[in-house]
Amino acid sequence: MADTGQAAQPARLSVVSTATDGVRVLTLAGEIDRDTGQALRQALDASGTPRPRIVVDLSRVTFMDSTGINIFIAAHRTLTAADGWIRLAAPTEVVMRLLQIVGVDAVINCHETLHQALTD
């Protein structure tokens, strides 16, 4: 068995931003961790936006570590201070379990579906 000397590439995070009725919708796919967190931080930046409202669709996120937790908490604080909000939508079972364990679901509104997050 030959060792190629190449480390496995970390899973990438795809972030697609759209807007629905004045709400920015971020659709994520992949893993949220130390290697991909900066892309999420940038996508959540609402500097200069009055009353920013963001829904994050987590239905295709396969893994999230404390990096994601910290990013979402920081975004919640920043958006709330700007008289806005963030909602998390359709987290996978593994992501929802993490959100519950650390109590993020008690701080940030989490919804079972994207539709619910947009109409709440």
PDB file of N, CA and C in Angstrom:
ATOM      1  N   MET A   1       0.836  -1.159   0.000  1.00  0.00           N
ATOM      2  CA  MET A   1       0.000   0.000   0.000  1.00  0.00           C
ATOM      3  C   MET A   1       0.885   1.227   0.000  1.00  0.00           C
ATOM      4  N   ALA A   2       0.702   2.090  -0.973  1.00  0.00           N
ATOM      5  CA  ALA A   2       1.540   3.272  -1.125  1.00  0.00           C
ATOM      6  C   ALA A   2       0.943   4.459  -0.400  1.00  0.00           C
ATOM      7  N   ASP A   3       1.809   5.223   0.238  1.00  0.00           N
ATOM      8  CA  ASP A   3       1.376   6.446   0.893  1.00  0.00           C
ATOM      9  C   ASP A   3       1.653   7.595  -0.059  1.00  0.00           C
ATOM     10  N   THR A   4       0.631   8.278  -0.494  1.00  0.00           N
ATOM     11  CA  THR A   4       0.815   9.360  -1.463  1.00  0.00           C
ATOM     12  C   THR A   4       1.310  10.635  -0.812  1.00  0.00           C
ATOM     13  N   GLY A   5       1.248  10.701   0.528  1.00  0.00           N
ATOM     14  CA  GLY A   5       1.725  11.892   1.212  1.00  0.00           C
ATOM     15  C   GLY A   5       0.733  13.041   1.184  1.00  0.00           C
ATOM     16  N   GLN A   6      -0.443  12.809   0.637  1.00  0.00           N
ATOM     17  CA  GLN A   6      -1.440  13.870   0.582  1.00  0.00           C
ATOM     18  C   GLN A   6      -2.452  13.690   1.699  1.00  0.00           C
ATOM     19  N   ALA A   7      -2.703  14.755   2.404  1.00  0.00           N
ATOM     20  CA  ALA A   7      -3.735  14.724   3.443  1.00  0.00           C
ATOM     21  C   ALA A   7      -5.093  14.859   2.778  1.00  0.00           C
ATOM     22  N   ALA A   8      -6.079  14.282   3.402  1.00  0.00           N
ATOM     23  CA  ALA A   8      -7.435  14.418   2.882  1.00  0.00           C
ATOM     24  C   ALA A   8      -7.845  15.888   2.912  1.00  0.00           C
ATOM     25  N   GLN A   9      -8.484  16.342   1.857  1.00  0.00           N
ATOM     26  CA  GLN A   9      -8.946  17.716   1.777  1.00  0.00           C
ATOM     27  C   GLN A   9     -10.167  17.891   2.681  1.00  0.00           C
ATOM     28  N   PRO A  10     -10.216  18.976   3.441  1.00  0.00           N
ATOM     29  CA  PRO A  10     -11.393  19.206   4.273  1.00  0.00           C
ATOM     30  C   PRO A  10     -12.610  19.448   3.385  1.00  0.00           C
ATOM     31  N   ALA A  11     -13.759  19.032   3.871  1.00  0.00           N
ATOM     32  CA  ALA A  11     -14.994  19.259   3.126  1.00  0.00           C
ATOM     33  C   ALA A  11     -15.209  20.755   2.994  1.00  0.00           C
ATOM     34  N   ARG A  12     -15.679  21.157   1.875  1.00  0.00           N
ATOM     35  CA  ARG A  12     -15.927  22.558   1.608  1.00  0.00           C
ATOM     36  C   ARG A  12     -17.310  22.940   2.100  1.00  0.00           C
ATOM     37  N   LEU A  13     -17.522  24.209   2.257  1.00  0.00           N
ATOM     38  CA  LEU A  13     -18.824  24.742   2.618  1.00  0.00           C
ATOM     39  C   LEU A  13     -19.302  25.605   1.471  1.00  0.00           C
ATOM     40  N   SER A  14     -20.462  25.276   0.966  1.00  0.00           N
ATOM     41  CA  SER A  14     -21.095  26.072  -0.075  1.00  0.00           C
ATOM     42  C   SER A  14     -22.094  27.012   0.587  1.00  0.00           C
ATOM     43  N   VAL A  15     -22.050  28.285   0.202  1.00  0.00           N
ATOM     44  CA  VAL A  15     -22.976  29.278   0.733  1.00  0.00           C
ATOM     45  C   VAL A  15     -23.625  29.986  -0.446  1.00  0.00           C
ATOM     46  N   VAL A  16     -24.951  29.860  -0.548  1.00  0.00           N
ATOM     47  CA  VAL A  16     -25.699  30.545  -1.596  1.00  0.00           C
ATOM     48  C   VAL A  16     -26.620  31.542  -0.915  1.00  0.00           C
ATOM     49  N   SER A  17     -26.534  32.798  -1.345  1.00  0.00           N
ATOM     50  CA  SER A  17     -27.337  33.864  -0.750  1.00  0.00           C
ATOM     51  C   SER A  17     -28.415  34.311  -1.729  1.00  0.00           C
ATOM     52  N   THR A  18     -29.656  34.328  -1.251  1.00  0.00           N
ATOM     53  CA  THR A  18     -30.779  34.836  -2.034  1.00  0.00           C
ATOM     54  C   THR A  18     -31.576  35.763  -1.115  1.00  0.00           C
ATOM     55  N   ALA A  19     -32.627  36.356  -1.655  1.00  0.00           N
ATOM     56  CA  ALA A  19     -33.485  37.212  -0.837  1.00  0.00           C
ATOM     57  C   ALA A  19     -34.939  36.857  -1.107  1.00  0.00           C
ATOM     58  N   THR A  20     -35.728  36.845  -0.045  1.00  0.00           N
ATOM     59  CA  THR A  20     -37.160  36.596  -0.121  1.00  0.00           C
ATOM     60  C   THR A  20     -37.862  37.622   0.751  1.00  0.00           C
ATOM     61  N   ASP A  21     -38.644  38.485   0.138  1.00  0.00           N
ATOM     62  CA  ASP A  21     -39.402  39.505   0.876  1.00  0.00           C
ATOM     63  C   ASP A  21     -38.531  40.304   1.840  1.00  0.00           C
ATOM     64  N   GLY A  22     -37.357  40.700   1.392  1.00  0.00           N
ATOM     65  CA  GLY A  22     -36.471  41.500   2.218  1.00  0.00           C
ATOM     66  C   GLY A  22     -35.665  40.737   3.246  1.00  0.00           C
ATOM     67  N   VAL A  23     -35.779  39.413   3.237  1.00  0.00           N
ATOM     68  CA  VAL A  23     -35.023  38.564   4.162  1.00  0.00           C
ATOM     69  C   VAL A  23     -33.909  37.888   3.379  1.00  0.00           C
ATOM     70  N   ARG A  24     -32.670  38.022   3.858  1.00  0.00           N
ATOM     71  CA  ARG A  24     -31.562  37.307   3.215  1.00  0.00           C
ATOM     72  C   ARG A  24     -31.646  35.843   3.630  1.00  0.00           C
ATOM     73  N   VAL A  25     -31.629  34.955   2.658  1.00  0.00           N
ATOM     74  CA  VAL A  25     -31.653  33.517   2.917  1.00  0.00           C
ATOM     75  C   VAL A  25     -30.303  32.950   2.508  1.00  0.00           C
ATOM     76  N   LEU A  26     -29.610  32.364   3.475  1.00  0.00           N
ATOM     77  CA  LEU A  26     -28.329  31.704   3.209  1.00  0.00           C
ATOM     78  C   LEU A  26     -28.570  30.204   3.211  1.00  0.00           C
ATOM     79  N   THR A  27     -28.300  29.579   2.086  1.00  0.00           N
ATOM     80  CA  THR A  27     -28.434  28.131   1.973  1.00  0.00           C
ATOM     81  C   THR A  27     -27.037  27.539   2.036  1.00  0.00           C
ATOM     82  N   LEU A  28     -26.794  26.751   3.076  1.00  0.00           N
ATOM     83  CA  LEU A  28     -25.470  26.171   3.303  1.00  0.00           C
ATOM     84  C   LEU A  28     -25.481  24.699   2.934  1.00  0.00           C
ATOM     85  N   ALA A  29     -24.338  24.217   2.452  1.00  0.00           N
ATOM     86  CA  ALA A  29     -24.164  22.793   2.175  1.00  0.00           C
ATOM     87  C   ALA A  29     -22.724  22.428   2.502  1.00  0.00           C
ATOM     88  N   GLY A  30     -22.545  21.338   3.230  1.00  0.00           N
ATOM     89  CA  GLY A  30     -21.206  20.877   3.587  1.00  0.00           C
ATOM     90  C   GLY A  30     -20.976  20.927   5.083  1.00  0.00           C
ATOM     91  N   GLU A  31     -19.750  21.252   5.459  1.00  0.00           N
ATOM     92  CA  GLU A  31     -19.348  21.239   6.864  1.00  0.00           C
ATOM     93  C   GLU A  31     -18.971  22.627   7.340  1.00  0.00           C
ATOM     94  N   ILE A  32     -19.385  22.935   8.566  1.00  0.00           N
ATOM     95  CA  ILE A  32     -19.006  24.199   9.197  1.00  0.00           C
ATOM     96  C   ILE A  32     -17.991  23.872  10.273  1.00  0.00           C
ATOM     97  N   ASP A  33     -16.760  24.305  10.041  1.00  0.00           N
ATOM     98  CA  ASP A  33     -15.693  24.049  11.005  1.00  0.00           C
ATOM     99  C   ASP A  33     -14.641  25.138  10.887  1.00  0.00           C
ATOM    100  N   ARG A  34     -13.527  24.924  11.537  1.00  0.00           N
ATOM    101  CA  ARG A  34     -12.435  25.903  11.550  1.00  0.00           C
ATOM    102  C   ARG A  34     -11.972  26.266  10.146  1.00  0.00           C
ATOM    103  N   ASP A  35     -11.963  25.298   9.248  1.00  0.00           N
ATOM    104  CA  ASP A  35     -11.466  25.529   7.891  1.00  0.00           C
ATOM    105  C   ASP A  35     -12.458  26.261   6.997  1.00  0.00           C
ATOM    106  N   THR A  36     -13.741  26.200   7.316  1.00  0.00           N
ATOM    107  CA  THR A  36     -14.756  26.793   6.445  1.00  0.00           C
ATOM    108  C   THR A  36     -15.504  27.951   7.092  1.00  0.00           C
ATOM    109  N   GLY A  37     -15.217  28.227   8.338  1.00  0.00           N
ATOM    110  CA  GLY A  37     -15.961  29.240   9.083  1.00  0.00           C
ATOM    111  C   GLY A  37     -15.904  30.636   8.504  1.00  0.00           C
ATOM    112  N   GLN A  38     -14.804  31.010   7.900  1.00  0.00           N
ATOM    113  CA  GLN A  38     -14.675  32.369   7.371  1.00  0.00           C
ATOM    114  C   GLN A  38     -15.713  32.651   6.285  1.00  0.00           C
ATOM    115  N   ALA A  39     -16.017  31.671   5.463  1.00  0.00           N
ATOM    116  CA  ALA A  39     -17.031  31.861   4.420  1.00  0.00           C
ATOM    117  C   ALA A  39     -18.390  32.156   5.054  1.00  0.00           C
ATOM    118  N   LEU A  40     -18.703  31.484   6.138  1.00  0.00           N
ATOM    119  CA  LEU A  40     -19.967  31.722   6.834  1.00  0.00           C
ATOM    120  C   LEU A  40     -19.964  33.096   7.489  1.00  0.00           C
ATOM    121  N   ARG A  41     -18.862  33.469   8.132  1.00  0.00           N
ATOM    122  CA  ARG A  41     -18.763  34.793   8.754  1.00  0.00           C
ATOM    123  C   ARG A  41     -19.028  35.895   7.730  1.00  0.00           C
ATOM    124  N   GLN A  42     -18.408  35.772   6.575  1.00  0.00           N
ATOM    125  CA  GLN A  42     -18.566  36.770   5.515  1.00  0.00           C
ATOM    126  C   GLN A  42     -20.016  36.821   5.028  1.00  0.00           C
ATOM    127  N   ALA A  43     -20.632  35.668   4.867  1.00  0.00           N
ATOM    128  CA  ALA A  43     -22.009  35.616   4.372  1.00  0.00           C
ATOM    129  C   ALA A  43     -22.983  36.242   5.375  1.00  0.00           C
ATOM    130  N   LEU A  44     -22.683  36.147   6.666  1.00  0.00           N
ATOM    131  CA  LEU A  44     -23.555  36.689   7.699  1.00  0.00           C
ATOM    132  C   LEU A  44     -23.319  38.173   7.965  1.00  0.00           C
ATOM    133  N   ASP A  45     -22.307  38.739   7.357  1.00  0.00           N
ATOM    134  CA  ASP A  45     -21.995  40.154   7.581  1.00  0.00           C
ATOM    135  C   ASP A  45     -23.110  41.020   6.999  1.00  0.00           C
ATOM    136  N   ALA A  46     -23.740  41.785   7.849  1.00  0.00           N
ATOM    137  CA  ALA A  46     -24.831  42.672   7.425  1.00  0.00           C
ATOM    138  C   ALA A  46     -24.491  44.126   7.734  1.00  0.00           C
ATOM    139  N   SER A  47     -23.224  44.453   7.741  1.00  0.00           N
ATOM    140  CA  SER A  47     -22.783  45.813   8.044  1.00  0.00           C
ATOM    141  C   SER A  47     -23.482  46.804   7.115  1.00  0.00           C
ATOM    142  N   GLY A  48     -23.994  47.859   7.710  1.00  0.00           N
ATOM    143  CA  GLY A  48     -24.631  48.900   6.927  1.00  0.00           C
ATOM    144  C   GLY A  48     -26.047  48.594   6.469  1.00  0.00           C
ATOM    145  N   THR A  49     -26.565  47.444   6.848  1.00  0.00           N
ATOM    146  CA  THR A  49     -27.930  47.080   6.477  1.00  0.00           C
ATOM    147  C   THR A  49     -28.857  47.439   7.633  1.00  0.00           C
ATOM    148  N   PRO A  50     -29.829  48.320   7.384  1.00  0.00           N
ATOM    149  CA  PRO A  50     -30.758  48.633   8.471  1.00  0.00           C
ATOM    150  C   PRO A  50     -31.700  47.456   8.741  1.00  0.00           C
ATOM    151  N   ARG A  51     -31.887  47.139  10.014  1.00  0.00           N
ATOM    152  CA  ARG A  51     -32.762  46.043  10.447  1.00  0.00           C
ATOM    153  C   ARG A  51     -32.530  44.757   9.641  1.00  0.00           C
ATOM    154  N   PRO A  52     -31.315  44.249   9.663  1.00  0.00           N
ATOM    155  CA  PRO A  52     -31.018  43.044   8.871  1.00  0.00           C
ATOM    156  C   PRO A  52     -31.770  41.813   9.375  1.00  0.00           C
ATOM    157  N   ARG A  53     -32.288  41.049   8.433  1.00  0.00           N
ATOM    158  CA  ARG A  53     -32.998  39.812   8.761  1.00  0.00           C
ATOM    159  C   ARG A  53     -32.390  38.699   7.913  1.00  0.00           C
ATOM    160  N   ILE A  54     -31.950  37.640   8.589  1.00  0.00           N
ATOM    161  CA  ILE A  54     -31.276  36.540   7.904  1.00  0.00           C
ATOM    162  C   ILE A  54     -31.850  35.210   8.361  1.00  0.00           C
ATOM    163  N   VAL A  55     -32.162  34.354   7.393  1.00  0.00           N
ATOM    164  CA  VAL A  55     -32.536  32.969   7.673  1.00  0.00           C
ATOM    165  C   VAL A  55     -31.438  32.091   7.101  1.00  0.00           C
ATOM    166  N   VAL A  56     -30.947  31.158   7.898  1.00  0.00           N
ATOM    167  CA  VAL A  56     -29.897  30.240   7.457  1.00  0.00           C
ATOM    168  C   VAL A  56     -30.499  28.848   7.302  1.00  0.00           C
ATOM    169  N   ASP A  57     -30.511  28.352   6.072  1.00  0.00           N
ATOM    170  CA  ASP A  57     -31.030  27.019   5.768  1.00  0.00           C
ATOM    171  C   ASP A  57     -29.905  26.009   6.007  1.00  0.00           C
ATOM    172  N   LEU A  58     -30.083  25.174   7.031  1.00  0.00           N
ATOM    173  CA  LEU A  58     -29.058  24.196   7.427  1.00  0.00           C
ATOM    174  C   LEU A  58     -29.372  22.778   6.949  1.00  0.00           C
ATOM    175  N   SER A  59     -30.327  22.627   6.070  1.00  0.00           N
ATOM    176  CA  SER A  59     -30.796  21.297   5.673  1.00  0.00           C
ATOM    177  C   SER A  59     -29.741  20.450   4.975  1.00  0.00           C
ATOM    178  N   ARG A  60     -28.691  21.073   4.460  1.00  0.00           N
ATOM    179  CA  ARG A  60     -27.645  20.307   3.772  1.00  0.00           C
ATOM    180  C   ARG A  60     -26.293  20.403   4.479  1.00  0.00           C
ATOM    181  N   VAL A  61     -26.321  20.812   5.743  1.00  0.00           N
ATOM    182  CA  VAL A  61     -25.087  20.857   6.536  1.00  0.00           C
ATOM    183  C   VAL A  61     -24.902  19.489   7.182  1.00  0.00           C
ATOM    184  N   THR A  62     -23.777  18.863   6.909  1.00  0.00           N
ATOM    185  CA  THR A  62     -23.519  17.503   7.375  1.00  0.00           C
ATOM    186  C   THR A  62     -22.737  17.448   8.685  1.00  0.00           C
ATOM    187  N   PHE A  63     -22.090  18.565   9.049  1.00  0.00           N
ATOM    188  CA  PHE A  63     -21.273  18.599  10.258  1.00  0.00           C
ATOM    189  C   PHE A  63     -21.121  20.046  10.697  1.00  0.00           C
ATOM    190  N   MET A  64     -21.119  20.259  12.012  1.00  0.00           N
ATOM    191  CA  MET A  64     -20.830  21.583  12.550  1.00  0.00           C
ATOM    192  C   MET A  64     -20.142  21.406  13.889  1.00  0.00           C
ATOM    193  N   ASP A  65     -19.075  22.156  14.097  1.00  0.00           N
ATOM    194  CA  ASP A  65     -18.392  22.109  15.388  1.00  0.00           C
ATOM    195  C   ASP A  65     -18.584  23.445  16.106  1.00  0.00           C
ATOM    196  N   SER A  66     -17.805  23.682  17.129  1.00  0.00           N
ATOM    197  CA  SER A  66     -17.950  24.901  17.932  1.00  0.00           C
ATOM    198  C   SER A  66     -17.715  26.169  17.121  1.00  0.00           C
ATOM    199  N   THR A  67     -17.005  26.052  16.022  1.00  0.00           N
ATOM    200  CA  THR A  67     -16.804  27.210  15.148  1.00  0.00           C
ATOM    201  C   THR A  67     -18.152  27.755  14.693  1.00  0.00           C
ATOM    202  N   GLY A  68     -19.017  26.874  14.220  1.00  0.00           N
ATOM    203  CA  GLY A  68     -20.340  27.293  13.766  1.00  0.00           C
ATOM    204  C   GLY A  68     -21.166  27.880  14.885  1.00  0.00           C
ATOM    205  N   ILE A  69     -21.107  27.260  16.053  1.00  0.00           N
ATOM    206  CA  ILE A  69     -21.835  27.767  17.221  1.00  0.00           C
ATOM    207  C   ILE A  69     -21.398  29.199  17.518  1.00  0.00           C
ATOM    208  N   ASN A  70     -20.103  29.417  17.574  1.00  0.00           N
ATOM    209  CA  ASN A  70     -19.567  30.744  17.881  1.00  0.00           C
ATOM    210  C   ASN A  70     -19.953  31.771  16.818  1.00  0.00           C
ATOM    211  N   ILE A  71     -19.929  31.377  15.562  1.00  0.00           N
ATOM    212  CA  ILE A  71     -20.293  32.284  14.474  1.00  0.00           C
ATOM    213  C   ILE A  71     -21.766  32.668  14.574  1.00  0.00           C
ATOM    214  N   PHE A  72     -22.632  31.701  14.823  1.00  0.00           N
ATOM    215  CA  PHE A  72     -24.060  31.998  14.920  1.00  0.00           C
ATOM    216  C   PHE A  72     -24.377  32.870  16.134  1.00  0.00           C
ATOM    217  N   ILE A  73     -23.729  32.621  17.263  1.00  0.00           N
ATOM    218  CA  ILE A  73     -23.957  33.449  18.455  1.00  0.00           C
ATOM    219  C   ILE A  73     -23.480  34.881  18.205  1.00  0.00           C
ATOM    220  N   ALA A  74     -22.310  35.036  17.595  1.00  0.00           N
ATOM    221  CA  ALA A  74     -21.797  36.377  17.291  1.00  0.00           C
ATOM    222  C   ALA A  74     -22.725  37.093  16.309  1.00  0.00           C
ATOM    223  N   ALA A  75     -23.221  36.374  15.303  1.00  0.00           N
ATOM    224  CA  ALA A  75     -24.137  36.977  14.333  1.00  0.00           C
ATOM    225  C   ALA A  75     -25.437  37.391  15.018  1.00  0.00           C
ATOM    226  N   HIS A  76     -25.936  36.546  15.912  1.00  0.00           N
ATOM    227  CA  HIS A  76     -27.157  36.871  16.655  1.00  0.00           C
ATOM    228  C   HIS A  76     -26.974  38.178  17.431  1.00  0.00           C
ATOM    229  N   ARG A  77     -25.866  38.317  18.118  1.00  0.00           N
ATOM    230  CA  ARG A  77     -25.603  39.526  18.894  1.00  0.00           C
ATOM    231  C   ARG A  77     -25.520  40.756  17.994  1.00  0.00           C
ATOM    232  N   THR A  78     -24.784  40.635  16.900  1.00  0.00           N
ATOM    233  CA  THR A  78     -24.598  41.748  15.980  1.00  0.00           C
ATOM    234  C   THR A  78     -25.912  42.161  15.319  1.00  0.00           C
ATOM    235  N   LEU A  79     -26.674  41.172  14.855  1.00  0.00           N
ATOM    236  CA  LEU A  79     -27.931  41.471  14.169  1.00  0.00           C
ATOM    237  C   LEU A  79     -28.971  42.031  15.134  1.00  0.00           C
ATOM    238  N   THR A  80     -29.023  41.500  16.343  1.00  0.00           N
ATOM    239  CA  THR A  80     -29.958  42.004  17.342  1.00  0.00           C
ATOM    240  C   THR A  80     -29.615  43.451  17.702  1.00  0.00           C
ATOM    241  N   ALA A  81     -28.334  43.757  17.840  1.00  0.00           N
ATOM    242  CA  ALA A  81     -27.907  45.126  18.141  1.00  0.00           C
ATOM    243  C   ALA A  81     -28.280  46.098  17.028  1.00  0.00           C
ATOM    244  N   ALA A  82     -28.409  45.581  15.796  1.00  0.00           N
ATOM    245  CA  ALA A  82     -28.798  46.409  14.642  1.00  0.00           C
ATOM    246  C   ALA A  82     -30.311  46.374  14.417  1.00  0.00           C
ATOM    247  N   ASP A  83     -31.056  45.918  15.436  1.00  0.00           N
ATOM    248  CA  ASP A  83     -32.516  45.807  15.382  1.00  0.00           C
ATOM    249  C   ASP A  83     -32.973  44.816  14.305  1.00  0.00           C
ATOM    250  N   GLY A  84     -32.174  43.768  14.116  1.00  0.00           N
ATOM    251  CA  GLY A  84     -32.515  42.719  13.161  1.00  0.00           C
ATOM    252  C   GLY A  84     -32.603  41.378  13.852  1.00  0.00           C
ATOM    253  N   TRP A  85     -32.536  40.307  13.067  1.00  0.00           N
ATOM    254  CA  TRP A  85     -32.583  38.967  13.645  1.00  0.00           C
ATOM    255  C   TRP A  85     -31.969  37.943  12.709  1.00  0.00           C
ATOM    256  N   ILE A  86     -31.708  36.768  13.298  1.00  0.00           N
ATOM    257  CA  ILE A  86     -31.255  35.584  12.557  1.00  0.00           C
ATOM    258  C   ILE A  86     -32.126  34.420  12.995  1.00  0.00           C
ATOM    259  N   ARG A  87     -32.469  33.580  12.048  1.00  0.00           N
ATOM    260  CA  ARG A  87     -33.212  32.350  12.331  1.00  0.00           C
ATOM    261  C   ARG A  87     -32.506  31.202  11.635  1.00  0.00           C
ATOM    262  N   LEU A  88     -32.523  30.056  12.284  1.00  0.00           N
ATOM    263  CA  LEU A  88     -31.939  28.849  11.706  1.00  0.00           C
ATOM    264  C   LEU A  88     -33.070  27.946  11.242  1.00  0.00           C
ATOM    265  N   ALA A  89     -32.931  27.403  10.029  1.00  0.00           N
ATOM    266  CA  ALA A  89     -34.005  26.611   9.440  1.00  0.00           C
ATOM    267  C   ALA A  89     -33.529  25.221   9.048  1.00  0.00           C
ATOM    268  N   ALA A  90     -34.391  24.263   9.286  1.00  0.00           N
ATOM    269  CA  ALA A  90     -34.232  22.884   8.808  1.00  0.00           C
ATOM    270  C   ALA A  90     -32.887  22.244   9.136  1.00  0.00           C
ATOM    271  N   PRO A  91     -32.412  22.378  10.378  1.00  0.00           N
ATOM    272  CA  PRO A  91     -31.138  21.729  10.697  1.00  0.00           C
ATOM    273  C   PRO A  91     -31.258  20.209  10.610  1.00  0.00           C
ATOM    274  N   THR A  92     -30.204  19.584  10.145  1.00  0.00           N
ATOM    275  CA  THR A  92     -30.165  18.131  10.122  1.00  0.00           C
ATOM    276  C   THR A  92     -30.197  17.632  11.566  1.00  0.00           C
ATOM    277  N   GLU A  93     -30.472  16.367  11.740  1.00  0.00           N
ATOM    278  CA  GLU A  93     -30.582  15.803  13.092  1.00  0.00           C
ATOM    279  C   GLU A  93     -29.303  16.021  13.901  1.00  0.00           C
ATOM    280  N   VAL A  94     -28.153  15.774  13.277  1.00  0.00           N
ATOM    281  CA  VAL A  94     -26.883  15.906  13.994  1.00  0.00           C
ATOM    282  C   VAL A  94     -26.608  17.364  14.356  1.00  0.00           C
ATOM    283  N   VAL A  95     -26.950  18.294  13.475  1.00  0.00           N
ATOM    284  CA  VAL A  95     -26.743  19.717  13.763  1.00  0.00           C
ATOM    285  C   VAL A  95     -27.723  20.184  14.837  1.00  0.00           C
ATOM    286  N   MET A  96     -28.969  19.763  14.750  1.00  0.00           N
ATOM    287  CA  MET A  96     -29.952  20.160  15.759  1.00  0.00           C
ATOM    288  C   MET A  96     -29.559  19.645  17.134  1.00  0.00           C
ATOM    289  N   ARG A  97     -29.045  18.444  17.191  1.00  0.00           N
ATOM    290  CA  ARG A  97     -28.604  17.879  18.474  1.00  0.00           C
ATOM    291  C   ARG A  97     -27.519  18.758  19.089  1.00  0.00           C
ATOM    292  N   LEU A  98     -26.570  19.207  18.299  1.00  0.00           N
ATOM    293  CA  LEU A  98     -25.514  20.090  18.789  1.00  0.00           C
ATOM    294  C   LEU A  98     -26.103  21.411  19.264  1.00  0.00           C
ATOM    295  N   LEU A  99     -27.010  21.989  18.494  1.00  0.00           N
ATOM    296  CA  LEU A  99     -27.642  23.253  18.883  1.00  0.00           C
ATOM    297  C   LEU A  99     -28.360  23.110  20.222  1.00  0.00           C
ATOM    298  N   GLN A 100     -29.003  21.959  20.437  1.00  0.00           N
ATOM    299  CA  GLN A 100     -29.716  21.712  21.690  1.00  0.00           C
ATOM    300  C   GLN A 100     -28.759  21.485  22.855  1.00  0.00           C
ATOM    301  N   ILE A 101     -27.709  20.726  22.623  1.00  0.00           N
ATOM    302  CA  ILE A 101     -26.746  20.413  23.692  1.00  0.00           C
ATOM    303  C   ILE A 101     -26.129  21.682  24.263  1.00  0.00           C
ATOM    304  N   VAL A 102     -25.761  22.615  23.392  1.00  0.00           N
ATOM    305  CA  VAL A 102     -25.104  23.833  23.872  1.00  0.00           C
ATOM    306  C   VAL A 102     -26.083  24.973  24.140  1.00  0.00           C
ATOM    307  N   GLY A 103     -27.369  24.753  23.866  1.00  0.00           N
ATOM    308  CA  GLY A 103     -28.386  25.743  24.197  1.00  0.00           C
ATOM    309  C   GLY A 103     -28.607  26.846  23.181  1.00  0.00           C
ATOM    310  N   VAL A 104     -28.057  26.706  22.006  1.00  0.00           N
ATOM    311  CA  VAL A 104     -28.250  27.733  20.979  1.00  0.00           C
ATOM    312  C   VAL A 104     -29.720  27.841  20.596  1.00  0.00           C
ATOM    313  N   ASP A 105     -30.431  26.730  20.606  1.00  0.00           N
ATOM    314  CA  ASP A 105     -31.853  26.749  20.239  1.00  0.00           C
ATOM    315  C   ASP A 105     -32.686  27.580  21.216  1.00  0.00           C
ATOM    316  N   ALA A 106     -32.154  27.862  22.408  1.00  0.00           N
ATOM    317  CA  ALA A 106     -32.847  28.714  23.370  1.00  0.00           C
ATOM    318  C   ALA A 106     -32.535  30.193  23.149  1.00  0.00           C
ATOM    319  N   VAL A 107     -31.517  30.470  22.339  1.00  0.00           N
ATOM    320  CA  VAL A 107     -31.089  31.845  22.080  1.00  0.00           C
ATOM    321  C   VAL A 107     -31.509  32.304  20.682  1.00  0.00           C
ATOM    322  N   ILE A 108     -31.332  31.441  19.708  1.00  0.00           N
ATOM    323  CA  ILE A 108     -31.660  31.739  18.315  1.00  0.00           C
ATOM    324  C   ILE A 108     -32.859  30.889  17.909  1.00  0.00           C
ATOM    325  N   ASN A 109     -33.842  31.517  17.277  1.00  0.00           N
ATOM    326  CA  ASN A 109     -35.012  30.778  16.811  1.00  0.00           C
ATOM    327  C   ASN A 109     -34.611  29.725  15.787  1.00  0.00           C
ATOM    328  N   CYS A 110     -34.973  28.480  16.066  1.00  0.00           N
ATOM    329  CA  CYS A 110     -34.714  27.360  15.173  1.00  0.00           C
ATOM    330  C   CYS A 110     -36.057  26.824  14.683  1.00  0.00           C
ATOM    331  N   HIS A 111     -36.158  26.590  13.391  1.00  0.00           N
ATOM    332  CA  HIS A 111     -37.414  26.130  12.793  1.00  0.00           C
ATOM    333  C   HIS A 111     -37.182  24.838  12.026  1.00  0.00           C
ATOM    334  N   GLU A 112     -38.206  23.998  11.992  1.00  0.00           N
ATOM    335  CA  GLU A 112     -38.093  22.707  11.303  1.00  0.00           C
ATOM    336  C   GLU A 112     -37.962  22.861   9.794  1.00  0.00           C
ATOM    337  N   THR A 113     -38.545  23.924   9.236  1.00  0.00           N
ATOM    338  CA  THR A 113     -38.505  24.105   7.780  1.00  0.00           C
ATOM    339  C   THR A 113     -38.100  25.544   7.428  1.00  0.00           C
ATOM    340  N   LEU A 114     -37.656  25.716   6.220  1.00  0.00           N
ATOM    341  CA  LEU A 114     -37.329  27.050   5.722  1.00  0.00           C
ATOM    342  C   LEU A 114     -38.598  27.902   5.667  1.00  0.00           C
ATOM    343  N   HIS A 115     -39.670  27.326   5.226  1.00  0.00           N
ATOM    344  CA  HIS A 115     -40.949  28.051   5.142  1.00  0.00           C
ATOM    345  C   HIS A 115     -41.352  28.608   6.515  1.00  0.00           C
ATOM    346  N   GLN A 116     -41.239  27.789   7.550  1.00  0.00           N
ATOM    347  CA  GLN A 116     -41.594  28.239   8.902  1.00  0.00           C
ATOM    348  C   GLN A 116     -40.697  29.402   9.347  1.00  0.00           C
ATOM    349  N   ALA A 117     -39.415  29.313   9.040  1.00  0.00           N
ATOM    350  CA  ALA A 117     -38.478  30.369   9.431  1.00  0.00           C
ATOM    351  C   ALA A 117     -38.792  31.680   8.715  1.00  0.00           C
ATOM    352  N   LEU A 118     -39.260  31.590   7.496  1.00  0.00           N
ATOM    353  CA  LEU A 118     -39.582  32.791   6.727  1.00  0.00           C
ATOM    354  C   LEU A 118     -40.917  33.402   7.098  1.00  0.00           C
ATOM    355  N   THR A 119     -41.831  32.604   7.638  1.00  0.00           N
ATOM    356  CA  THR A 119     -43.165  33.133   7.923  1.00  0.00           C
ATOM    357  C   THR A 119     -43.432  33.355   9.399  1.00  0.00           C
ATOM    358  N   ASP A 120     -42.500  33.035  10.262  1.00  0.00           N
ATOM    359  CA  ASP A 120     -42.693  33.203  11.707  1.00  0.00           C
ATOM    360  C   ASP A 120     -42.759  34.668  12.077  1.00  0.00           C
TER     361      ASP A 120
END
